Amino acid sequence: MQSNVEPPLTTLPAAPPLAADPNAPDDLAAFKHAFRRHAAGVAAITTLAPDGSPVGFTATSLASLSAVPPLATFNMARSASSWAAIAAADRVAIHMLGAHNRAIAEKLAGPHAERFVGDHWQPGPYGLPVLTGVTSWMIGRVVERVSVHNNAVVVVQIEGGGMGADDEALLYHERTYRVPGAAV
């Protein structure tokens, strides 16, 4: 009698090569391919540098950690241009971006020196840069920074915030900004 149970894999399947780096190791290729297919909400994190200048970036790693107390997390590379400010900051502003905020998402993902040129932000609580026209924003106190390899998980306790106009969600999927399709 033959069994329909397949034997365990002795080797892992290889992901297709990365177009930008066909010699990348299999683990990196698998990781990048998988997360490009994982749609993520788009947020923006802002704070002040020690010299008082505004700093911020677009993030797809924002997550709620708990409701009581209200804790959120985001991840970032410690080599990122905004890391020095986040590493020193007591507080940050977290912004939820909608479809109408695509230009803000692109601006905060662009060249560091150009991220706060324009009228898309204003000083908010604690002098933090608050982006205008976003679907919602929160102010929080950084309670922990956990180093993981050359990255960090930043834990923020939310202290307050505000709501903007309702909008379609802005997602990042397959290296492109998108809005959700039809419900399934």
C-alpha atoms as a PDB file:
ATOM      1  CA  MET A   1       0.000   0.000   0.000  1.00  0.00           C
ATOM      2  CA  GLN A   2       1.400   3.399  -1.019  1.00  0.00           C
ATOM      3  CA  SER A   3       1.277   6.375   1.311  1.00  0.00           C
ATOM      4  CA  ASN A   4       0.032   9.788   0.100  1.00  0.00           C
ATOM      5  CA  VAL A   5       2.277  11.530   2.600  1.00  0.00           C
ATOM      6  CA  GLU A   6       5.103  13.399   0.943  1.00  0.00           C
ATOM      7  CA  PRO A   7       8.563  13.009   2.445  1.00  0.00           C
ATOM      8  CA  PRO A   8       9.895  16.100   4.213  1.00  0.00           C
ATOM      9  CA  LEU A   9      11.891  18.516   2.120  1.00  0.00           C
ATOM     10  CA  THR A  10      15.615  18.087   2.528  1.00  0.00           C
ATOM     11  CA  THR A  11      16.349  21.445   0.903  1.00  0.00           C
ATOM     12  CA  LEU A  12      14.335  24.627   0.821  1.00  0.00           C
ATOM     13  CA  PRO A  13      13.017  25.837  -2.516  1.00  0.00           C
ATOM     14  CA  ALA A  14      14.910  28.785  -3.980  1.00  0.00           C
ATOM     15  CA  ALA A  15      13.148  32.074  -4.574  1.00  0.00           C
ATOM     16  CA  PRO A  16      13.455  33.574  -8.042  1.00  0.00           C
ATOM     17  CA  PRO A  17      16.496  35.844  -8.419  1.00  0.00           C
ATOM     18  CA  LEU A  18      16.061  39.527  -7.646  1.00  0.00           C
ATOM     19  CA  ALA A  19      16.029  41.660 -10.791  1.00  0.00           C
ATOM     20  CA  ALA A  20      18.230  44.301  -9.155  1.00  0.00           C
ATOM     21  CA  ASP A  21      20.636  41.750  -7.661  1.00  0.00           C
ATOM     22  CA  PRO A  22      20.518  38.333  -9.365  1.00  0.00           C
ATOM     23  CA  ASN A  23      23.368  37.084  -7.135  1.00  0.00           C
ATOM     24  CA  ALA A  24      21.573  37.866  -3.865  1.00  0.00           C
ATOM     25  CA  PRO A  25      21.424  34.954  -1.417  1.00  0.00           C
ATOM     26  CA  ASP A  26      18.254  32.838  -1.397  1.00  0.00           C
ATOM     27  CA  ASP A  27      17.168  34.059   2.046  1.00  0.00           C
ATOM     28  CA  LEU A  28      17.310  37.716   0.982  1.00  0.00           C
ATOM     29  CA  ALA A  29      15.508  37.012  -2.304  1.00  0.00           C
ATOM     30  CA  ALA A  30      12.751  35.068  -0.507  1.00  0.00           C
ATOM     31  CA  PHE A  31      12.365  37.837   2.087  1.00  0.00           C
ATOM     32  CA  LYS A  32      12.179  40.677  -0.447  1.00  0.00           C
ATOM     33  CA  HIS A  33       9.797  38.832  -2.783  1.00  0.00           C
ATOM     34  CA  ALA A  34       7.471  37.900   0.086  1.00  0.00           C
ATOM     35  CA  PHE A  35       7.299  41.351   1.656  1.00  0.00           C
ATOM     36  CA  ARG A  36       6.761  43.040  -1.706  1.00  0.00           C
ATOM     37  CA  ARG A  37       3.570  40.975  -1.930  1.00  0.00           C
ATOM     38  CA  HIS A  38       2.477  41.848   1.599  1.00  0.00           C
ATOM     39  CA  ALA A  39       0.338  44.969   1.378  1.00  0.00           C
ATOM     40  CA  ALA A  40       1.055  47.347   4.250  1.00  0.00           C
ATOM     41  CA  GLY A  41      -0.593  50.530   5.418  1.00  0.00           C
ATOM     42  CA  VAL A  42       1.457  53.678   4.976  1.00  0.00           C
ATOM     43  CA  ALA A  43       2.249  55.920   7.925  1.00  0.00           C
ATOM     44  CA  ALA A  44       4.662  58.757   8.548  1.00  0.00           C
ATOM     45  CA  ILE A  45       6.732  59.283  11.673  1.00  0.00           C
ATOM     46  CA  THR A  46       7.995  62.766  12.551  1.00  0.00           C
ATOM     47  CA  THR A  47      10.019  64.270  15.379  1.00  0.00           C
ATOM     48  CA  LEU A  48      12.534  67.010  16.050  1.00  0.00           C
ATOM     49  CA  ALA A  49      16.288  66.647  15.710  1.00  0.00           C
ATOM     50  CA  PRO A  50      18.371  67.816  18.693  1.00  0.00           C
ATOM     51  CA  ASP A  51      18.894  71.145  16.866  1.00  0.00           C
ATOM     52  CA  GLY A  52      15.094  71.631  16.598  1.00  0.00           C
ATOM     53  CA  SER A  53      14.771  70.913  12.878  1.00  0.00           C
ATOM     54  CA  PRO A  54      11.931  68.661  11.709  1.00  0.00           C
ATOM     55  CA  VAL A  55      12.767  65.058  10.826  1.00  0.00           C
ATOM     56  CA  GLY A  56      10.509  62.353   9.434  1.00  0.00           C
ATOM     57  CA  PHE A  57      10.075  59.356   7.195  1.00  0.00           C
ATOM     58  CA  THR A  58       7.484  57.127   5.588  1.00  0.00           C
ATOM     59  CA  ALA A  59       6.909  53.833   7.395  1.00  0.00           C
ATOM     60  CA  THR A  60       5.091  50.617   6.558  1.00  0.00           C
ATOM     61  CA  SER A  61       6.106  48.882   9.788  1.00  0.00           C
ATOM     62  CA  LEU A  62       3.651  50.688  12.102  1.00  0.00           C
ATOM     63  CA  ALA A  63       1.713  48.315  14.344  1.00  0.00           C
ATOM     64  CA  SER A  64      -0.456  48.498  17.438  1.00  0.00           C
ATOM     65  CA  LEU A  65       1.111  46.718  20.388  1.00  0.00           C
ATOM     66  CA  SER A  66      -1.635  47.132  22.990  1.00  0.00           C
ATOM     67  CA  ALA A  67      -4.736  49.190  23.677  1.00  0.00           C
ATOM     68  CA  VAL A  68      -4.239  49.384  27.445  1.00  0.00           C
ATOM     69  CA  PRO A  69      -1.883  51.129  27.749  1.00  0.00           C
ATOM     70  CA  PRO A  70      -2.054  52.469  24.187  1.00  0.00           C
ATOM     71  CA  LEU A  71       1.246  51.364  22.649  1.00  0.00           C
ATOM     72  CA  ALA A  72       2.381  51.423  19.021  1.00  0.00           C
ATOM     73  CA  THR A  73       5.595  50.219  17.422  1.00  0.00           C
ATOM     74  CA  PHE A  74       7.537  50.950  14.291  1.00  0.00           C
ATOM     75  CA  ASN A  75      10.807  49.582  12.983  1.00  0.00           C
ATOM     76  CA  MET A  76      13.678  51.325  11.285  1.00  0.00           C
ATOM     77  CA  ALA A  77      17.261  50.818  10.242  1.00  0.00           C
ATOM     78  CA  ARG A  78      19.757  52.432  12.583  1.00  0.00           C
ATOM     79  CA  SER A  79      21.601  53.542   9.430  1.00  0.00           C
ATOM     80  CA  ALA A  80      18.573  55.574   8.249  1.00  0.00           C
ATOM     81  CA  SER A  81      18.978  59.331   7.922  1.00  0.00           C
ATOM     82  CA  SER A  82      16.268  59.864  10.588  1.00  0.00           C
ATOM     83  CA  TRP A  83      17.677  57.409  13.138  1.00  0.00           C
ATOM     84  CA  ALA A  84      19.853  59.890  15.069  1.00  0.00           C
ATOM     85  CA  ALA A  85      16.789  62.070  15.725  1.00  0.00           C
ATOM     86  CA  ILE A  86      14.582  59.089  16.667  1.00  0.00           C
ATOM     87  CA  ALA A  87      17.339  57.752  18.934  1.00  0.00           C
ATOM     88  CA  ALA A  88      17.440  61.061  20.827  1.00  0.00           C
ATOM     89  CA  ALA A  89      13.740  61.976  20.751  1.00  0.00           C
ATOM     90  CA  ASP A  90      11.447  61.871  23.771  1.00  0.00           C
ATOM     91  CA  ARG A  91       8.322  62.109  21.612  1.00  0.00           C
ATOM     92  CA  VAL A  92       7.194  61.439  18.046  1.00  0.00           C
ATOM     93  CA  ALA A  93       4.148  62.148  15.920  1.00  0.00           C
ATOM     94  CA  ILE A  94       2.650  59.187  14.084  1.00  0.00           C
ATOM     95  CA  HIS A  95       0.472  59.952  11.059  1.00  0.00           C
ATOM     96  CA  MET A  96      -1.909  57.598   9.230  1.00  0.00           C
ATOM     97  CA  LEU A  97      -1.879  58.383   5.520  1.00  0.00           C
ATOM     98  CA  GLY A  98      -4.785  58.045   3.119  1.00  0.00           C
ATOM     99  CA  ALA A  99      -4.950  57.935  -0.665  1.00  0.00           C
ATOM    100  CA  HIS A 100      -4.929  61.753  -0.843  1.00  0.00           C
ATOM    101  CA  ASN A 101      -1.615  61.790   1.053  1.00  0.00           C
ATOM    102  CA  ARG A 102       0.401  59.947  -1.577  1.00  0.00           C
ATOM    103  CA  ALA A 103       2.479  63.054  -2.347  1.00  0.00           C
ATOM    104  CA  ILE A 104       3.349  63.400   1.361  1.00  0.00           C
ATOM    105  CA  ALA A 105       4.343  59.707   1.492  1.00  0.00           C
ATOM    106  CA  GLU A 106       6.611  60.181  -1.520  1.00  0.00           C
ATOM    107  CA  LYS A 107       8.085  63.410  -0.121  1.00  0.00           C
ATOM    108  CA  LEU A 108       8.943  61.785   3.233  1.00  0.00           C
ATOM    109  CA  ALA A 109      10.483  58.818   1.419  1.00  0.00           C
ATOM    110  CA  GLY A 110      12.569  61.153  -0.750  1.00  0.00           C
ATOM    111  CA  PRO A 111      15.761  63.106  -0.139  1.00  0.00           C
ATOM    112  CA  HIS A 112      16.210  63.916   3.553  1.00  0.00           C
ATOM    113  CA  ALA A 113      16.901  67.631   2.991  1.00  0.00           C
ATOM    114  CA  GLU A 114      13.625  68.121   1.048  1.00  0.00           C
ATOM    115  CA  ARG A 115      11.189  66.322   3.360  1.00  0.00           C
ATOM    116  CA  PHE A 116       9.983  69.439   5.181  1.00  0.00           C
ATOM    117  CA  VAL A 117      10.206  71.967   2.359  1.00  0.00           C
ATOM    118  CA  GLY A 118       6.645  73.189   1.718  1.00  0.00           C
ATOM    119  CA  ASP A 119       3.393  73.781   3.545  1.00  0.00           C
ATOM    120  CA  HIS A 120       2.430  70.132   4.190  1.00  0.00           C
ATOM    121  CA  TRP A 121       3.179  70.378   7.911  1.00  0.00           C
ATOM    122  CA  GLN A 122       2.916  72.669  10.894  1.00  0.00           C
ATOM    123  CA  PRO A 123       4.296  72.712  14.432  1.00  0.00           C
ATOM    124  CA  GLY A 124       2.088  70.703  16.796  1.00  0.00           C
ATOM    125  CA  PRO A 125       2.238  69.646  20.429  1.00  0.00           C
ATOM    126  CA  TYR A 126       5.756  69.808  21.892  1.00  0.00           C
ATOM    127  CA  GLY A 127       6.767  71.601  18.655  1.00  0.00           C
ATOM    128  CA  LEU A 128       6.617  68.277  16.789  1.00  0.00           C
ATOM    129  CA  PRO A 129       6.000  68.492  13.041  1.00  0.00           C
ATOM    130  CA  VAL A 130       2.377  67.465  12.371  1.00  0.00           C
ATOM    131  CA  LEU A 131       1.488  66.715   8.772  1.00  0.00           C
ATOM    132  CA  THR A 132      -1.600  68.458   7.392  1.00  0.00           C
ATOM    133  CA  GLY A 133      -4.502  66.698   5.702  1.00  0.00           C
ATOM    134  CA  VAL A 134      -3.750  63.219   7.077  1.00  0.00           C
ATOM    135  CA  THR A 135      -6.521  60.821   8.111  1.00  0.00           C
ATOM    136  CA  SER A 136      -5.338  60.787  11.738  1.00  0.00           C
ATOM    137  CA  TRP A 137      -2.308  61.550  13.858  1.00  0.00           C
ATOM    138  CA  MET A 138      -1.073  60.662  17.321  1.00  0.00           C
ATOM    139  CA  ILE A 139       1.527  62.099  19.651  1.00  0.00           C
ATOM    140  CA  GLY A 140       3.426  59.614  21.744  1.00  0.00           C
ATOM    141  CA  ARG A 141       6.281  59.279  24.180  1.00  0.00           C
ATOM    142  CA  VAL A 142       9.074  56.913  23.194  1.00  0.00           C
ATOM    143  CA  VAL A 143       9.224  54.300  25.967  1.00  0.00           C
ATOM    144  CA  GLU A 144      11.691  51.839  24.496  1.00  0.00           C
ATOM    145  CA  ARG A 145      14.107  51.303  21.637  1.00  0.00           C
ATOM    146  CA  VAL A 146      15.091  47.676  21.095  1.00  0.00           C
ATOM    147  CA  SER A 147      18.171  47.075  18.938  1.00  0.00           C
ATOM    148  CA  VAL A 148      17.932  44.066  16.646  1.00  0.00           C
ATOM    149  CA  HIS A 149      21.020  43.596  14.449  1.00  0.00           C
ATOM    150  CA  ASN A 150      21.416  46.937  12.625  1.00  0.00           C
ATOM    151  CA  ASN A 151      17.752  47.867  13.123  1.00  0.00           C
ATOM    152  CA  ALA A 152      15.537  49.020  15.971  1.00  0.00           C
ATOM    153  CA  VAL A 153      11.993  48.444  17.165  1.00  0.00           C
ATOM    154  CA  VAL A 154      10.668  51.675  18.667  1.00  0.00           C
ATOM    155  CA  VAL A 155       7.842  51.451  21.223  1.00  0.00           C
ATOM    156  CA  VAL A 156       5.676  54.544  21.677  1.00  0.00           C
ATOM    157  CA  GLN A 157       3.017  55.195  24.335  1.00  0.00           C
ATOM    158  CA  ILE A 158       0.267  57.286  22.760  1.00  0.00           C
ATOM    159  CA  GLU A 159      -0.691  60.431  24.679  1.00  0.00           C
ATOM    160  CA  GLY A 160      -3.205  62.046  22.315  1.00  0.00           C
ATOM    161  CA  GLY A 161      -3.954  62.874  18.726  1.00  0.00           C
ATOM    162  CA  GLY A 162      -6.437  64.109  16.174  1.00  0.00           C
ATOM    163  CA  MET A 163      -8.572  63.060  13.241  1.00  0.00           C
ATOM    164  CA  GLY A 164      -8.585  64.354   9.695  1.00  0.00           C
ATOM    165  CA  ALA A 165     -10.987  63.708   6.848  1.00  0.00           C
ATOM    166  CA  ASP A 166     -11.894  60.112   6.078  1.00  0.00           C
ATOM    167  CA  ASP A 167     -10.080  58.748   3.033  1.00  0.00           C
ATOM    168  CA  GLU A 168      -9.339  55.490   1.277  1.00  0.00           C
ATOM    169  CA  ALA A 169      -6.428  53.641   2.867  1.00  0.00           C
ATOM    170  CA  LEU A 170      -3.018  54.160   1.283  1.00  0.00           C
ATOM    171  CA  LEU A 171      -1.194  50.846   0.886  1.00  0.00           C
ATOM    172  CA  TYR A 172       2.272  49.934  -0.274  1.00  0.00           C
ATOM    173  CA  HIS A 173       2.350  46.735  -2.335  1.00  0.00           C
ATOM    174  CA  GLU A 174       4.773  45.451  -4.982  1.00  0.00           C
ATOM    175  CA  ARG A 175       6.869  48.634  -4.582  1.00  0.00           C
ATOM    176  CA  THR A 176       3.913  50.855  -5.527  1.00  0.00           C
ATOM    177  CA  TYR A 177       1.423  52.987  -3.591  1.00  0.00           C
ATOM    178  CA  ARG A 178      -2.124  51.664  -4.022  1.00  0.00           C
ATOM    179  CA  VAL A 179      -5.641  51.870  -2.604  1.00  0.00           C
ATOM    180  CA  PRO A 180      -7.679  48.797  -1.633  1.00  0.00           C
ATOM    181  CA  GLY A 181      -9.734  47.102  -4.335  1.00  0.00           C
ATOM    182  CA  ALA A 182     -13.179  45.619  -3.967  1.00  0.00           C
ATOM    183  CA  ALA A 183     -14.035  43.772  -0.775  1.00  0.00           C
ATOM    184  CA  VAL A 184     -13.870  39.996  -1.026  1.00  0.00           C
END
